[in-house]
């Protein structure tokens, strides 16, 4: 996906920070992470969007959820 303008980024930001449908939010977070990695100009668009606090919180929640899931898997293997 090429996010060529702020409108594309804003749509992803809206979905990424929406807590109603977590699977959609997760996919939007992944897309944003990939876009920011591959298109350096998009980083500033995201920074200027006004979503940074919500976005950071969603990434924290996703990381914590992933960490807990992986930890449970490891515990199951060790038991």
C-alpha atoms as a PDB file:
ATOM      1  CA  UNK A   1       0.000   0.000   0.000  1.00  0.00           C
ATOM      2  CA  UNK A   2       1.232   3.458  -0.824  1.00  0.00           C
ATOM      3  CA  UNK A   3      -0.019   6.176   1.458  1.00  0.00           C
ATOM      4  CA  UNK A   4       0.530   9.144  -0.789  1.00  0.00           C
ATOM      5  CA  UNK A   5      -1.346  11.755   1.138  1.00  0.00           C
ATOM      6  CA  UNK A   6      -2.545  12.726   4.541  1.00  0.00           C
ATOM      7  CA  UNK A   7      -6.086  11.472   3.824  1.00  0.00           C
ATOM      8  CA  UNK A   8      -4.816   7.894   3.371  1.00  0.00           C
ATOM      9  CA  UNK A   9      -2.871   8.122   6.619  1.00  0.00           C
ATOM     10  CA  UNK A  10      -5.832   9.639   8.470  1.00  0.00           C
ATOM     11  CA  UNK A  11      -8.119   6.776   7.441  1.00  0.00           C
ATOM     12  CA  UNK A  12      -5.610   4.265   8.807  1.00  0.00           C
ATOM     13  CA  UNK A  13      -5.176   6.328  11.974  1.00  0.00           C
ATOM     14  CA  UNK A  14      -8.932   6.367  12.547  1.00  0.00           C
ATOM     15  CA  UNK A  15      -9.159   2.600  12.217  1.00  0.00           C
ATOM     16  CA  UNK A  16      -5.984   2.017  14.234  1.00  0.00           C
ATOM     17  CA  UNK A  17      -7.235   4.008  17.203  1.00  0.00           C
ATOM     18  CA  UNK A  18     -10.786   2.637  17.113  1.00  0.00           C
ATOM     19  CA  UNK A  19     -11.327   0.244  20.020  1.00  0.00           C
ATOM     20  CA  UNK A  20     -14.650  -1.085  18.705  1.00  0.00           C
ATOM     21  CA  UNK A  21     -13.282  -3.647  16.250  1.00  0.00           C
ATOM     22  CA  UNK A  22      -9.931  -4.880  17.534  1.00  0.00           C
ATOM     23  CA  UNK A  23      -9.058  -7.031  14.535  1.00  0.00           C
ATOM     24  CA  UNK A  24      -9.484  -4.039  12.214  1.00  0.00           C
ATOM     25  CA  UNK A  25      -7.510  -1.850  14.595  1.00  0.00           C
ATOM     26  CA  UNK A  26      -4.655  -4.371  14.663  1.00  0.00           C
ATOM     27  CA  UNK A  27      -4.490  -4.538  10.878  1.00  0.00           C
ATOM     28  CA  UNK A  28      -4.471  -0.752  10.605  1.00  0.00           C
ATOM     29  CA  UNK A  29      -1.665  -0.597  13.205  1.00  0.00           C
ATOM     30  CA  UNK A  30       0.359  -3.062  11.139  1.00  0.00           C
ATOM     31  CA  UNK A  31      -0.220  -1.058   7.965  1.00  0.00           C
ATOM     32  CA  UNK A  32       0.824   2.163   9.672  1.00  0.00           C
ATOM     33  CA  UNK A  33       3.961   0.564  11.073  1.00  0.00           C
ATOM     34  CA  UNK A  34       4.902  -0.727   7.616  1.00  0.00           C
ATOM     35  CA  UNK A  35       4.172   2.588   5.928  1.00  0.00           C
ATOM     36  CA  UNK A  36       6.259   4.493   8.478  1.00  0.00           C
ATOM     37  CA  UNK A  37       9.085   2.018   8.024  1.00  0.00           C
ATOM     38  CA  UNK A  38       9.049   2.094   4.225  1.00  0.00           C
ATOM     39  CA  UNK A  39       8.052   5.703   3.531  1.00  0.00           C
ATOM     40  CA  UNK A  40       9.984   8.072   5.730  1.00  0.00           C
ATOM     41  CA  UNK A  41       7.840  11.064   4.685  1.00  0.00           C
ATOM     42  CA  UNK A  42       4.804   9.387   6.249  1.00  0.00           C
ATOM     43  CA  UNK A  43       6.371   9.604   9.722  1.00  0.00           C
ATOM     44  CA  UNK A  44       5.949  13.362   9.769  1.00  0.00           C
ATOM     45  CA  UNK A  45       2.360  13.044   8.510  1.00  0.00           C
ATOM     46  CA  UNK A  46       1.570  10.728  11.406  1.00  0.00           C
ATOM     47  CA  UNK A  47       3.368  12.996  13.868  1.00  0.00           C
ATOM     48  CA  UNK A  48       1.384  16.014  12.648  1.00  0.00           C
ATOM     49  CA  UNK A  49      -1.959  14.186  12.602  1.00  0.00           C
ATOM     50  CA  UNK A  50      -2.987  14.737  16.211  1.00  0.00           C
ATOM     51  CA  UNK A  51      -3.358  10.986  16.812  1.00  0.00           C
ATOM     52  CA  UNK A  52       0.033  10.387  18.420  1.00  0.00           C
ATOM     53  CA  UNK A  53      -1.193   9.895  22.001  1.00  0.00           C
ATOM     54  CA  UNK A  54      -3.960   7.473  20.983  1.00  0.00           C
ATOM     55  CA  UNK A  55      -1.664   5.689  18.567  1.00  0.00           C
ATOM     56  CA  UNK A  56       1.082   5.257  21.167  1.00  0.00           C
ATOM     57  CA  UNK A  57      -1.452   3.857  23.615  1.00  0.00           C
ATOM     58  CA  UNK A  58      -2.768   1.350  21.053  1.00  0.00           C
ATOM     59  CA  UNK A  59       0.768   0.191  20.239  1.00  0.00           C
ATOM     60  CA  UNK A  60       1.446  -0.268  23.972  1.00  0.00           C
ATOM     61  CA  UNK A  61      -1.713  -2.348  24.381  1.00  0.00           C
ATOM     62  CA  UNK A  62      -0.886  -4.470  21.338  1.00  0.00           C
ATOM     63  CA  UNK A  63       2.677  -5.038  22.524  1.00  0.00           C
ATOM     64  CA  UNK A  64       1.512  -6.013  26.008  1.00  0.00           C
ATOM     65  CA  UNK A  65      -1.113  -8.365  24.575  1.00  0.00           C
ATOM     66  CA  UNK A  66       1.457  -9.978  22.274  1.00  0.00           C
ATOM     67  CA  UNK A  67       3.944 -10.310  25.154  1.00  0.00           C
ATOM     68  CA  UNK A  68       1.374 -11.964  27.430  1.00  0.00           C
ATOM     69  CA  UNK A  69       0.296 -14.399  24.709  1.00  0.00           C
ATOM     70  CA  UNK A  70       3.880 -15.389  23.976  1.00  0.00           C
ATOM     71  CA  UNK A  71       4.635 -15.743  27.687  1.00  0.00           C
ATOM     72  CA  UNK A  72       1.633 -18.059  28.108  1.00  0.00           C
ATOM     73  CA  UNK A  73       2.858 -20.193  25.199  1.00  0.00           C
ATOM     74  CA  UNK A  74       6.297 -20.436  26.772  1.00  0.00           C
ATOM     75  CA  UNK A  75       4.804 -21.364  30.141  1.00  0.00           C
ATOM     76  CA  UNK A  76       2.713 -24.095  28.511  1.00  0.00           C
ATOM     77  CA  UNK A  77       5.804 -25.528  26.829  1.00  0.00           C
ATOM     78  CA  UNK A  78       7.814 -25.516  30.068  1.00  0.00           C
ATOM     79  CA  UNK A  79       5.059 -27.169  32.134  1.00  0.00           C
END
